[in-house]
Each structure stands twice: as C-alpha cells, then as structure tokens.
Amino acid sequence: MGRSGGQRVVRCWDRNTELASPPIGHCMLQHAFSDGVNEDGILEKPVVLVVEDEAIIRMETIQMVKDAGFAALDAPNTDKAITILEARRDIRAVFTEIRVPGHRNGMDLGRAVAERWPLIRLLMTSGTPKADDFPADWQYIQKPYDGAQIATALRALVIPYLTVVS
C-alpha cells in the first residue's frame, strides 16, 4: 500500500499486510480486520475473551482488562467460550483459567483455540506454577495477579501483531 503525506505504514496480524495509518495513530483497516473497525474504518480496542468460573474473579479480571485498554467479553466455562469464539470474529486474545469447568479445561480450550483460530493469542492463569511443557507462544501469569501483570501480558501478546514499521 502506498504511503501518503503524514501517514505511516502499519504491519498487521498476518505480518505480511501493510495498512495505512493516519498520523494520530489509529489504524485504517481494509482487510480481514474489517470486523474490528467502526463505521469510520478506525480500529477499535482489541477484544479479549476472559474465561473464569468464579464470578467475582471474572468481574475483577474484566475490569483489569478494560483498564489495560482492551475491550472484554466473558465466559464462565469453556463451552460458553467456544460458543462465543464461534460467533465472533473480533476476538484477539483469550485469557483463561486452566482449571475451569466445561467439556474442556483451560489447556484443552487453549489447544482448540490454537488449532481453530491460530491468530488468537492465549494467556493462561492458575494458582499453581506453570508446567514445564507449557506452549512457548502462550503467556502465563500465576494467581493472584494484578492489573499491571495483565496489561503487560496482553500487550506482549497482542501489540506485536499490530506494529508500526515506518
């Protein structure tokens, strides 16, 4: 895509597509991100799906995700999470408890997401230390966590896939 006065080029999720960006830093999107833009073509906040069975922890986590600059959806179990993922194309990350109810646990959910929606980033949490065989491209934060940890982890997962290259 050509560059015009005052615009930057932004490399997007697939790392091969370049998008023009106005000087104010909003992304004008004209490809697969079309579901993630408003009617003016401006990129909205990246959407994070929070999967947590404990309602109070889920509500607190959603607020931390929003405070970090992301939009948030929630699911109390993995079955509901899959239903939401199947219905929406704007989810950029899933933040899930490993020990969550449903036909799958959080690790099973992560594997399903990685297989079916490979562009969705994964952030896992649990009250126990991370396992040695944890996938390298997933992030992990141990409970209890705080807003700064969530913000750092989500930005590390999502922002590299939308970076200014010139």
C-alpha atoms as a PDB file:
ATOM      1  CA  MET A   1       0.000   0.000   0.000  1.00  0.00           C
ATOM      2  CA  GLY A   2       1.411   3.379  -0.912  1.00  0.00           C
ATOM      3  CA  ARG A   3       2.366   5.983   1.621  1.00  0.00           C
ATOM      4  CA  SER A   4       0.945   9.475   1.551  1.00  0.00           C
ATOM      5  CA  GLY A   5       1.945  12.630   3.372  1.00  0.00           C
ATOM      6  CA  GLY A   6       1.917  12.251   7.139  1.00  0.00           C
ATOM      7  CA  GLN A   7       0.843   8.623   7.108  1.00  0.00           C
ATOM      8  CA  ARG A   8       2.726   5.664   8.492  1.00  0.00           C
ATOM      9  CA  VAL A   9       2.523   2.066   7.385  1.00  0.00           C
ATOM     10  CA  VAL A  10       1.366  -0.476   9.932  1.00  0.00           C
ATOM     11  CA  ARG A  11       2.115  -4.170   9.593  1.00  0.00           C
ATOM     12  CA  CYS A  12      -0.823  -6.157  10.848  1.00  0.00           C
ATOM     13  CA  TRP A  13      -1.720  -9.602  12.254  1.00  0.00           C
ATOM     14  CA  ASP A  14      -0.518 -11.757   9.422  1.00  0.00           C
ATOM     15  CA  ARG A  15       2.760  -9.773   9.382  1.00  0.00           C
ATOM     16  CA  ASN A  16       2.551  -9.532   5.602  1.00  0.00           C
ATOM     17  CA  THR A  17      -0.212  -6.975   5.171  1.00  0.00           C
ATOM     18  CA  GLU A  18       0.623  -3.300   5.354  1.00  0.00           C
ATOM     19  CA  LEU A  19      -2.054  -0.794   6.258  1.00  0.00           C
ATOM     20  CA  ALA A  20      -2.082   2.988   6.014  1.00  0.00           C
ATOM     21  CA  SER A  21      -2.402   4.760   9.343  1.00  0.00           C
ATOM     22  CA  PRO A  22      -3.325   8.387   9.954  1.00  0.00           C
ATOM     23  CA  PRO A  23      -0.793  10.406  11.957  1.00  0.00           C
ATOM     24  CA  ILE A  24      -2.946  10.213  15.102  1.00  0.00           C
ATOM     25  CA  GLY A  25      -2.116   6.510  15.318  1.00  0.00           C
ATOM     26  CA  HIS A  26      -5.499   4.930  14.563  1.00  0.00           C
ATOM     27  CA  CYS A  27      -5.371   2.122  12.030  1.00  0.00           C
ATOM     28  CA  MET A  28      -7.386   2.337   8.856  1.00  0.00           C
ATOM     29  CA  LEU A  29      -8.136  -1.273   8.063  1.00  0.00           C
ATOM     30  CA  GLN A  30      -9.085  -2.671   4.702  1.00  0.00           C
ATOM     31  CA  HIS A  31      -8.752  -6.448   5.014  1.00  0.00           C
ATOM     32  CA  ALA A  32      -9.514  -9.250   7.475  1.00  0.00           C
ATOM     33  CA  PHE A  33      -9.775  -6.803  10.370  1.00  0.00           C
ATOM     34  CA  SER A  34     -12.893  -5.261   8.864  1.00  0.00           C
ATOM     35  CA  ASP A  35     -14.961  -6.766  11.692  1.00  0.00           C
ATOM     36  CA  GLY A  36     -12.780  -4.940  14.233  1.00  0.00           C
ATOM     37  CA  VAL A  37     -13.343  -1.448  12.900  1.00  0.00           C
ATOM     38  CA  ASN A  38     -16.094   1.028  13.478  1.00  0.00           C
ATOM     39  CA  GLU A  39     -18.177   2.526  10.668  1.00  0.00           C
ATOM     40  CA  ASP A  40     -15.470   5.143  10.049  1.00  0.00           C
ATOM     41  CA  GLY A  41     -12.839   2.440   9.461  1.00  0.00           C
ATOM     42  CA  ILE A  42     -10.991   3.187  12.721  1.00  0.00           C
ATOM     43  CA  LEU A  43      -9.600   0.235  14.690  1.00  0.00           C
ATOM     44  CA  GLU A  44     -11.462  -0.269  17.925  1.00  0.00           C
ATOM     45  CA  LYS A  45      -9.921  -1.712  21.068  1.00  0.00           C
ATOM     46  CA  PRO A  46      -8.675  -5.298  20.701  1.00  0.00           C
ATOM     47  CA  VAL A  47     -11.185  -7.733  22.214  1.00  0.00           C
ATOM     48  CA  VAL A  48     -10.141 -10.174  24.959  1.00  0.00           C
ATOM     49  CA  LEU A  49     -12.330 -13.109  25.999  1.00  0.00           C
ATOM     50  CA  VAL A  50     -11.978 -13.800  29.742  1.00  0.00           C
ATOM     51  CA  VAL A  51     -12.837 -17.382  30.786  1.00  0.00           C
ATOM     52  CA  GLU A  52     -13.203 -17.749  34.555  1.00  0.00           C
ATOM     53  CA  ASP A  53     -15.767 -19.723  36.538  1.00  0.00           C
ATOM     54  CA  GLU A  54     -15.660 -17.641  39.729  1.00  0.00           C
ATOM     55  CA  ALA A  55     -17.933 -14.648  39.103  1.00  0.00           C
ATOM     56  CA  ILE A  56     -16.119 -12.166  41.356  1.00  0.00           C
ATOM     57  CA  ILE A  57     -12.693 -13.015  39.925  1.00  0.00           C
ATOM     58  CA  ARG A  58     -14.169 -12.843  36.408  1.00  0.00           C
ATOM     59  CA  MET A  59     -15.650  -9.369  37.047  1.00  0.00           C
ATOM     60  CA  GLU A  60     -12.396  -8.087  38.567  1.00  0.00           C
ATOM     61  CA  THR A  61     -10.377  -9.523  35.681  1.00  0.00           C
ATOM     62  CA  ILE A  62     -12.691  -7.955  33.110  1.00  0.00           C
ATOM     63  CA  GLN A  63     -12.163  -4.578  34.755  1.00  0.00           C
ATOM     64  CA  MET A  64      -8.370  -5.079  34.708  1.00  0.00           C
ATOM     65  CA  VAL A  65      -8.530  -5.983  31.002  1.00  0.00           C
ATOM     66  CA  LYS A  66     -10.573  -2.848  30.282  1.00  0.00           C
ATOM     67  CA  ASP A  67      -8.218  -0.715  32.380  1.00  0.00           C
ATOM     68  CA  ALA A  68      -5.354  -2.063  30.240  1.00  0.00           C
ATOM     69  CA  GLY A  69      -7.028  -0.594  27.150  1.00  0.00           C
ATOM     70  CA  PHE A  70      -8.796  -3.653  25.760  1.00  0.00           C
ATOM     71  CA  ALA A  71     -12.458  -4.490  25.260  1.00  0.00           C
ATOM     72  CA  ALA A  72     -13.601  -7.543  27.221  1.00  0.00           C
ATOM     73  CA  LEU A  73     -16.085 -10.373  26.816  1.00  0.00           C
ATOM     74  CA  ASP A  74     -16.571 -13.103  29.383  1.00  0.00           C
ATOM     75  CA  ALA A  75     -17.493 -16.745  29.703  1.00  0.00           C
ATOM     76  CA  PRO A  76     -17.986 -18.773  32.899  1.00  0.00           C
ATOM     77  CA  ASN A  77     -16.812 -22.028  31.274  1.00  0.00           C
ATOM     78  CA  THR A  78     -15.086 -23.435  28.206  1.00  0.00           C
ATOM     79  CA  ASP A  79     -18.324 -24.469  26.497  1.00  0.00           C
ATOM     80  CA  LYS A  80     -19.609 -20.882  26.564  1.00  0.00           C
ATOM     81  CA  ALA A  81     -16.165 -19.657  25.455  1.00  0.00           C
ATOM     82  CA  ILE A  82     -16.272 -21.866  22.346  1.00  0.00           C
ATOM     83  CA  THR A  83     -19.791 -20.621  21.564  1.00  0.00           C
ATOM     84  CA  ILE A  84     -18.598 -17.014  21.783  1.00  0.00           C
ATOM     85  CA  LEU A  85     -15.495 -17.734  19.683  1.00  0.00           C
ATOM     86  CA  GLU A  86     -17.629 -19.371  17.001  1.00  0.00           C
ATOM     87  CA  ALA A  87     -19.980 -16.387  16.892  1.00  0.00           C
ATOM     88  CA  ARG A  88     -17.430 -13.552  16.842  1.00  0.00           C
ATOM     89  CA  ARG A  89     -14.538 -12.678  14.583  1.00  0.00           C
ATOM     90  CA  ASP A  90     -13.158  -9.737  16.573  1.00  0.00           C
ATOM     91  CA  ILE A  91     -11.550 -11.602  19.487  1.00  0.00           C
ATOM     92  CA  ARG A  92      -7.769 -11.082  19.558  1.00  0.00           C
ATOM     93  CA  ALA A  93      -6.882 -12.892  22.811  1.00  0.00           C
ATOM     94  CA  VAL A  94      -8.321 -15.428  25.243  1.00  0.00           C
ATOM     95  CA  PHE A  95      -7.417 -15.157  28.926  1.00  0.00           C
ATOM     96  CA  THR A  96      -8.464 -18.366  30.664  1.00  0.00           C
ATOM     97  CA  GLU A  97      -8.147 -20.094  33.992  1.00  0.00           C
ATOM     98  CA  ILE A  98      -6.618 -23.535  33.463  1.00  0.00           C
ATOM     99  CA  ARG A  99      -8.973 -25.212  35.928  1.00  0.00           C
ATOM    100  CA  VAL A 100     -12.299 -24.060  34.534  1.00  0.00           C
ATOM    101  CA  PRO A 101     -15.439 -26.194  34.105  1.00  0.00           C
ATOM    102  CA  GLY A 102     -16.877 -27.419  30.840  1.00  0.00           C
ATOM    103  CA  HIS A 103     -16.219 -30.266  28.447  1.00  0.00           C
ATOM    104  CA  ARG A 104     -12.676 -28.927  28.212  1.00  0.00           C
ATOM    105  CA  ASN A 105     -10.357 -27.447  30.811  1.00  0.00           C
ATOM    106  CA  GLY A 106      -8.417 -24.251  30.092  1.00  0.00           C
ATOM    107  CA  MET A 107      -5.495 -26.103  28.490  1.00  0.00           C
ATOM    108  CA  ASP A 108      -7.896 -28.003  26.209  1.00  0.00           C
ATOM    109  CA  LEU A 109      -9.551 -24.692  25.348  1.00  0.00           C
ATOM    110  CA  GLY A 110      -6.142 -23.230  24.535  1.00  0.00           C
ATOM    111  CA  ARG A 111      -5.311 -26.115  22.209  1.00  0.00           C
ATOM    112  CA  ALA A 112      -8.712 -25.784  20.491  1.00  0.00           C
ATOM    113  CA  VAL A 113      -8.195 -22.036  20.027  1.00  0.00           C
ATOM    114  CA  ALA A 114      -4.672 -22.544  18.683  1.00  0.00           C
ATOM    115  CA  GLU A 115      -5.969 -25.074  16.167  1.00  0.00           C
ATOM    116  CA  ARG A 116      -9.210 -23.385  15.053  1.00  0.00           C
ATOM    117  CA  TRP A 117      -8.281 -19.703  15.444  1.00  0.00           C
ATOM    118  CA  PRO A 118      -4.479 -19.528  15.123  1.00  0.00           C
ATOM    119  CA  LEU A 119      -4.382 -15.712  15.121  1.00  0.00           C
ATOM    120  CA  ILE A 120      -5.992 -15.505  18.574  1.00  0.00           C
ATOM    121  CA  ARG A 121      -3.339 -15.121  21.287  1.00  0.00           C
ATOM    122  CA  LEU A 122      -3.551 -17.124  24.526  1.00  0.00           C
ATOM    123  CA  LEU A 123      -2.994 -16.021  28.119  1.00  0.00           C
ATOM    124  CA  MET A 124      -3.423 -18.675  30.806  1.00  0.00           C
ATOM    125  CA  THR A 125      -3.671 -18.436  34.581  1.00  0.00           C
ATOM    126  CA  SER A 126      -3.862 -20.724  37.586  1.00  0.00           C
ATOM    127  CA  GLY A 127      -2.935 -20.765  41.240  1.00  0.00           C
ATOM    128  CA  THR A 128      -0.143 -23.247  40.559  1.00  0.00           C
ATOM    129  CA  PRO A 129       3.216 -22.688  38.834  1.00  0.00           C
ATOM    130  CA  LYS A 130       3.436 -23.040  35.062  1.00  0.00           C
ATOM    131  CA  ALA A 131       4.068 -26.570  33.785  1.00  0.00           C
ATOM    132  CA  ASP A 132       7.370 -27.365  32.067  1.00  0.00           C
ATOM    133  CA  ASP A 133       5.620 -28.436  28.846  1.00  0.00           C
ATOM    134  CA  PHE A 134       3.664 -25.181  28.514  1.00  0.00           C
ATOM    135  CA  PRO A 135       3.480 -23.992  24.857  1.00  0.00           C
ATOM    136  CA  ALA A 136       6.112 -21.346  24.129  1.00  0.00           C
ATOM    137  CA  ASP A 137       3.777 -18.996  22.257  1.00  0.00           C
ATOM    138  CA  TRP A 138       1.244 -18.812  25.117  1.00  0.00           C
ATOM    139  CA  GLN A 139       1.639 -16.451  28.061  1.00  0.00           C
ATOM    140  CA  TYR A 140       1.103 -17.476  31.687  1.00  0.00           C
ATOM    141  CA  ILE A 141       0.513 -15.448  34.843  1.00  0.00           C
ATOM    142  CA  GLN A 142       0.081 -17.118  38.189  1.00  0.00           C
ATOM    143  CA  LYS A 143      -2.750 -16.169  40.542  1.00  0.00           C
ATOM    144  CA  PRO A 144      -3.055 -13.917  42.346  1.00  0.00           C
ATOM    145  CA  TYR A 145      -2.344 -11.412  39.577  1.00  0.00           C
ATOM    146  CA  ASP A 146      -2.835  -7.678  39.295  1.00  0.00           C
ATOM    147  CA  GLY A 147      -3.790  -5.243  36.571  1.00  0.00           C
ATOM    148  CA  ALA A 148      -0.191  -4.425  35.678  1.00  0.00           C
ATOM    149  CA  GLN A 149       0.593  -8.107  35.042  1.00  0.00           C
ATOM    150  CA  ILE A 150      -2.481  -8.481  32.830  1.00  0.00           C
ATOM    151  CA  ALA A 151      -1.685  -5.285  30.916  1.00  0.00           C
ATOM    152  CA  THR A 152       1.926  -6.345  30.326  1.00  0.00           C
ATOM    153  CA  ALA A 153       0.995  -9.864  29.231  1.00  0.00           C
ATOM    154  CA  LEU A 154      -1.820  -8.792  26.898  1.00  0.00           C
ATOM    155  CA  ARG A 155       0.268  -6.057  25.318  1.00  0.00           C
ATOM    156  CA  ALA A 156       3.095  -8.552  24.756  1.00  0.00           C
ATOM    157  CA  LEU A 157       0.641 -10.912  23.061  1.00  0.00           C
ATOM    158  CA  VAL A 158      -1.485  -8.542  21.013  1.00  0.00           C
ATOM    159  CA  ILE A 159       0.543  -5.424  20.220  1.00  0.00           C
ATOM    160  CA  PRO A 160       3.373  -7.195  18.300  1.00  0.00           C
ATOM    161  CA  TYR A 161       0.769  -8.185  15.746  1.00  0.00           C
ATOM    162  CA  LEU A 162      -0.089  -4.536  15.070  1.00  0.00           C
ATOM    163  CA  THR A 163       3.152  -2.587  14.919  1.00  0.00           C
ATOM    164  CA  VAL A 164       4.377   0.463  13.085  1.00  0.00           C
ATOM    165  CA  VAL A 165       7.056  -0.441  10.544  1.00  0.00           C
ATOM    166  CA  SER A 166       7.812   3.011   9.163  1.00  0.00           C
END
